[in-house]
Protein backbone atom coordinates (compact mmCIF):
# COMPACT_ATOMS: atom_id res chain seq x y z
CA MET A 1 -4.79 -34.00 -7.05
CA LYS A 2 -4.20 -34.01 -10.87
CA GLU A 3 -6.70 -36.06 -12.97
CA ARG A 4 -7.10 -37.10 -16.68
CA PRO A 5 -9.86 -37.71 -18.65
CA ILE A 6 -9.84 -41.17 -20.33
CA LEU A 7 -12.28 -43.06 -23.21
CA PHE A 8 -13.70 -46.63 -22.82
CA SER A 9 -15.88 -48.45 -25.01
CA GLY A 10 -19.76 -49.21 -23.67
CA PRO A 11 -18.62 -52.62 -22.84
CA MET A 12 -15.53 -51.80 -20.74
CA VAL A 13 -17.83 -48.95 -19.09
CA ARG A 14 -20.02 -51.76 -17.76
CA ALA A 15 -17.20 -54.00 -16.87
CA LEU A 16 -15.44 -51.28 -14.63
CA HIS A 17 -19.33 -51.04 -13.17
CA ASP A 18 -19.09 -54.55 -12.55
CA GLY A 19 -15.71 -54.30 -10.47
CA ARG A 20 -14.46 -56.38 -13.52
CA LYS A 21 -12.13 -54.42 -14.75
CA THR A 22 -9.26 -53.07 -12.77
CA GLN A 23 -5.98 -52.28 -15.96
CA THR A 24 -6.53 -50.70 -19.32
CA ARG A 25 -3.86 -51.20 -21.77
CA ARG A 26 -3.00 -48.22 -24.24
CA ILE A 27 -0.40 -48.06 -27.15
CA VAL A 28 2.63 -45.96 -26.51
CA LYS A 29 2.71 -43.18 -28.79
CA PRO A 30 5.93 -40.70 -29.53
CA SER A 31 5.68 -37.79 -30.20
CA ARG A 32 7.80 -34.76 -30.55
CA THR A 33 8.97 -34.82 -26.57
CA TRP A 34 9.22 -38.07 -26.77
CA PRO A 35 10.56 -40.24 -29.61
CA ILE A 36 10.04 -43.29 -28.75
CA GLY A 37 11.98 -45.65 -30.87
CA PHE A 38 14.78 -43.76 -31.97
CA ILE A 39 17.52 -44.86 -30.01
CA GLY A 40 20.61 -43.04 -31.09
CA GLY A 41 18.88 -41.72 -33.80
CA GLN A 42 18.06 -45.19 -35.57
CA GLY A 43 16.17 -47.94 -34.32
CA ASP A 44 12.20 -48.94 -34.63
CA GLN A 45 9.57 -48.81 -31.83
CA ASP A 46 8.26 -52.44 -32.91
CA ASP A 47 12.23 -53.33 -31.90
CA PRO A 48 11.72 -55.60 -29.00
CA SER A 49 14.96 -54.52 -27.91
CA CYS A 50 14.50 -50.80 -28.36
CA TYR A 51 13.32 -49.37 -24.91
CA GLY A 52 13.47 -45.35 -25.72
CA PHE A 53 15.95 -42.68 -26.91
CA GLU A 54 18.92 -40.95 -26.52
CA ASP A 55 18.51 -36.90 -26.43
CA LEU A 56 21.22 -36.35 -28.70
CA ASN A 57 21.86 -32.66 -27.36
CA SER A 58 22.21 -33.94 -23.38
CA GLY A 59 23.19 -37.17 -24.04
CA GLN A 60 20.77 -38.12 -21.82
CA TRP A 61 19.15 -41.45 -22.05
CA TRP A 62 15.04 -41.92 -21.65
CA THR A 63 13.67 -45.13 -21.19
CA LEU A 64 10.19 -46.87 -21.54
CA ALA A 65 11.76 -49.79 -18.51
CA PRO A 66 14.12 -50.10 -16.24
CA SER A 67 16.92 -51.04 -18.27
CA HIS A 68 20.91 -51.14 -17.73
CA PHE A 69 21.51 -47.57 -18.26
CA SER A 70 22.34 -46.46 -14.96
CA ASP A 71 22.13 -42.66 -15.20
CA ALA A 72 18.47 -43.55 -17.98
CA GLN A 73 15.33 -41.81 -16.66
CA GLN A 74 11.94 -42.58 -17.26
CA ILE A 75 9.60 -41.77 -19.82
CA PRO A 76 6.22 -40.28 -17.53
CA CYS A 77 2.94 -42.53 -18.29
CA PRO A 78 0.88 -40.02 -20.20
CA TYR A 79 -2.21 -41.73 -18.18
CA GLY A 80 -0.64 -40.42 -15.10
CA ALA A 81 1.38 -41.66 -11.94
CA VAL A 82 0.87 -43.62 -8.71
CA GLY A 83 -2.23 -41.50 -6.97
CA GLU A 84 -3.43 -39.66 -9.62
CA ARG A 85 -7.01 -40.14 -10.86
CA LEU A 86 -8.44 -40.58 -13.96
CA TRP A 87 -12.06 -39.41 -15.46
CA VAL A 88 -13.86 -41.94 -17.23
CA ARG A 89 -15.53 -40.38 -20.63
CA GLU A 90 -18.41 -42.56 -22.18
CA SER A 91 -20.98 -42.00 -24.98
CA LEU A 92 -24.58 -40.08 -24.30
CA ALA A 93 -27.04 -40.03 -26.04
CA PRO A 94 -30.94 -38.48 -25.36
CA THR A 95 -34.17 -39.39 -24.33
CA ARG A 96 -37.00 -37.80 -26.46
CA ASP A 97 -40.52 -36.67 -25.34
CA ALA A 98 -43.45 -37.52 -27.29
CA GLN A 99 -43.01 -34.15 -29.46
CA GLY A 100 -39.13 -35.72 -30.17
CA TYR A 101 -37.73 -33.08 -28.20
CA ILE A 102 -34.63 -33.70 -26.12
CA ALA A 103 -35.87 -34.43 -22.14
CA ASP A 104 -33.13 -35.86 -20.57
CA TRP A 105 -29.54 -37.50 -21.30
CA HIS A 106 -28.99 -40.84 -20.66
CA TYR A 107 -25.07 -43.02 -20.42
CA ALA A 108 -25.18 -45.21 -24.32
CA ALA A 109 -23.29 -47.96 -21.88
CA ASP A 110 -26.53 -49.39 -19.65
CA SER A 111 -29.00 -46.34 -20.19
CA ALA A 112 -28.79 -45.12 -16.88
CA LYS A 113 -29.90 -41.22 -16.72
CA VAL A 114 -27.67 -38.76 -16.67
CA PRO A 115 -28.59 -37.28 -13.31
CA ARG A 116 -29.29 -33.37 -13.38
CA MET A 117 -27.09 -31.40 -10.55
CA PRO A 118 -28.69 -28.25 -9.08
CA GLY A 119 -25.89 -25.96 -8.95
CA LEU A 120 -23.00 -28.23 -10.34
CA ASN A 121 -24.60 -28.81 -14.14
CA PRO A 122 -28.16 -27.33 -14.02
CA ASP A 123 -27.11 -26.25 -17.62
CA PHE A 124 -26.03 -30.05 -18.78
CA ASN A 125 -29.44 -30.91 -20.65
CA ASP A 126 -29.73 -27.55 -22.46
CA ALA A 127 -25.75 -27.01 -23.14
CA MET A 128 -25.54 -30.51 -24.73
CA ALA A 129 -28.51 -30.02 -26.40
CA PHE A 130 -27.70 -27.12 -28.63
CA ALA A 131 -23.95 -28.37 -28.64
CA HIS A 132 -24.47 -31.20 -30.69
CA LEU A 133 -27.36 -30.34 -33.04
CA ALA A 134 -25.43 -31.61 -36.06
CA ARG A 135 -25.51 -34.89 -34.04
CA PRO A 136 -28.83 -34.97 -32.15
CA SER A 137 -28.68 -38.85 -32.04
CA ALA A 138 -25.87 -39.33 -29.44
CA VAL A 139 -22.64 -37.16 -27.37
CA PRO A 140 -19.29 -39.57 -28.47
CA SER A 141 -17.43 -40.10 -25.30
CA ILE A 142 -14.46 -37.53 -26.88
CA HIS A 143 -17.21 -34.88 -26.07
CA MET A 144 -18.99 -35.50 -22.70
CA PRO A 145 -18.20 -33.34 -20.25
CA ARG A 146 -16.80 -33.71 -16.43
CA ARG A 147 -19.26 -32.79 -14.85
CA ALA A 148 -21.17 -35.71 -16.49
CA CYS A 149 -18.46 -37.85 -15.47
CA ARG A 150 -19.48 -40.62 -13.44
CA ILE A 151 -16.91 -43.08 -12.86
CA VAL A 152 -13.10 -41.84 -11.45
CA LEU A 153 -10.65 -44.13 -11.23
CA GLN A 154 -7.44 -44.00 -8.85
CA VAL A 155 -4.15 -45.50 -10.74
CA THR A 156 -2.45 -47.50 -8.74
CA SER A 157 0.47 -48.88 -11.23
CA ALA A 158 1.81 -48.11 -14.51
CA ARG A 159 4.49 -49.95 -16.47
CA VAL A 160 5.34 -50.96 -20.30
CA GLU A 161 5.33 -54.12 -21.79
CA ARG A 162 4.89 -55.68 -24.98
CA LEU A 163 1.07 -56.28 -26.25
CA ASN A 164 1.83 -60.06 -26.42
CA ASP A 165 2.83 -60.19 -22.81
CA ILE A 166 -0.12 -60.53 -21.85
CA THR A 167 -1.33 -63.43 -19.68
CA ASP A 168 -4.33 -65.06 -18.82
CA ALA A 169 -4.39 -63.37 -15.67
CA ASP A 170 -4.19 -59.80 -16.85
CA ALA A 171 -6.76 -60.79 -19.41
CA ILE A 172 -9.25 -61.38 -16.61
CA GLU A 173 -8.09 -57.88 -15.13
CA GLU A 174 -8.87 -56.44 -18.76
CA GLY A 175 -12.35 -57.10 -18.17
CA ILE A 176 -12.91 -60.43 -20.26
CA ASP A 177 -16.05 -62.86 -19.80
CA ARG A 178 -14.72 -65.04 -16.72
CA THR A 179 -16.12 -67.85 -18.55
CA ASN A 180 -13.96 -71.14 -19.18
CA THR A 181 -11.31 -69.06 -17.16
CA SER A 182 -10.34 -72.97 -15.94
CA ILE A 183 -9.07 -73.36 -20.20
CA PRO A 184 -5.29 -72.23 -20.37
CA GLY A 185 -5.08 -69.63 -23.09
CA TYR A 186 -9.00 -68.92 -22.87
CA THR A 187 -9.02 -65.46 -21.68
CA ARG A 188 -5.97 -64.39 -23.22
CA GLU A 189 -7.48 -65.74 -26.83
CA ARG A 190 -10.91 -63.87 -25.92
CA PHE A 191 -8.62 -60.40 -25.13
CA ILE A 192 -7.03 -61.02 -28.45
CA SER A 193 -10.28 -60.42 -30.75
CA LEU A 194 -11.17 -57.78 -28.27
CA TRP A 195 -8.23 -55.93 -29.35
CA THR A 196 -8.11 -56.80 -32.96
CA SER A 197 -11.84 -55.63 -32.97
CA ILE A 198 -10.85 -51.95 -31.45
CA ASN A 199 -7.77 -51.80 -33.19
CA GLY A 200 -7.43 -53.86 -36.41
CA ALA A 201 -6.54 -57.11 -37.66
CA ASP A 202 -2.95 -56.53 -37.91
CA SER A 203 -2.62 -54.60 -34.24
CA TRP A 204 -1.87 -58.10 -32.19
CA ALA A 205 0.42 -59.52 -34.80
CA ALA A 206 2.56 -55.74 -34.49
CA ASN A 207 3.16 -56.63 -31.06
CA PRO A 208 3.29 -52.42 -30.03
CA TRP A 209 4.69 -51.45 -26.82
CA VAL A 210 2.02 -50.56 -24.88
CA TRP A 211 1.06 -48.95 -21.38
CA VAL A 212 -0.46 -50.99 -18.54
CA VAL A 213 -2.55 -48.84 -16.60
CA GLU A 214 -3.92 -50.24 -12.86
CA PHE A 215 -6.36 -48.54 -10.53
CA THR A 216 -9.15 -49.10 -8.26
CA PRO A 217 -12.39 -50.43 -9.03
CA HIS A 218 -14.82 -47.44 -9.93
CA ALA A 219 -16.07 -44.82 -7.51
CA ARG A 220 -19.57 -43.15 -8.42
CA MET A 221 -19.36 -39.16 -8.75
C-alpha cells in the first residue's frame, strides 16, 4: 500500500494522539504538471470560479472539483487517495546524559521516548546524532526518518474547497479545542487564529483553494 510523509506541528500531533484530529487542510499549490488556476491560459488561482486548467496541447480539462465539463478529469490529490496512508513526521529532540552526550531521543510534542527497535533501527540514535551535529538541539520534522514514525493515518476522504468554507464542525475535526463549542462560530474563529499563526496574517483573507484530507484516528507503529 502506498504511503506518503506528512508534517504536523507539536499541538496537532497531540491532537492526533488524543483522537481529536481527523482532518487536515493544505493549500493547493500549482506545479508544472498541474498549473492550477490558469484556465485556457488565463485566470487566477484566487478566482472562486477557477477549478483548474485546460491542457492546450490536448484540449483536456483538469479540475480540482466536479464541474460542468462532462469530459473533465480530476486532478489527483497529492496527499493520497482513499485507502492510502500518510505517515506523520514530527520533531525530535535529544536526551542528554550527565556528560552532555546524546543518550536517547524523544518526540518534541509530548516528550515520549523514541523506542529502540532491535533489528529495525538499531543504528537510529547514533545515526541521528552524527547526522545532526550542526543541529544538536533537535531534529526538524522534515528530517525525521520513517523508522522513527509512530503515527500512521489512513485516508478516508480527499476533496477541495475554499479555505473560508470551513464550518464549526470541520474546525472541531481539525483538532481545535472543544470548549465553548455551543457558541456558534467559536471553533471556526479558533481555527482562523491557528491558521494565521502558522501561515501569516493575510493567509485567511487570501481564501486559497485547500485540499481537505480526512483520515482514520492514528495508529501506533
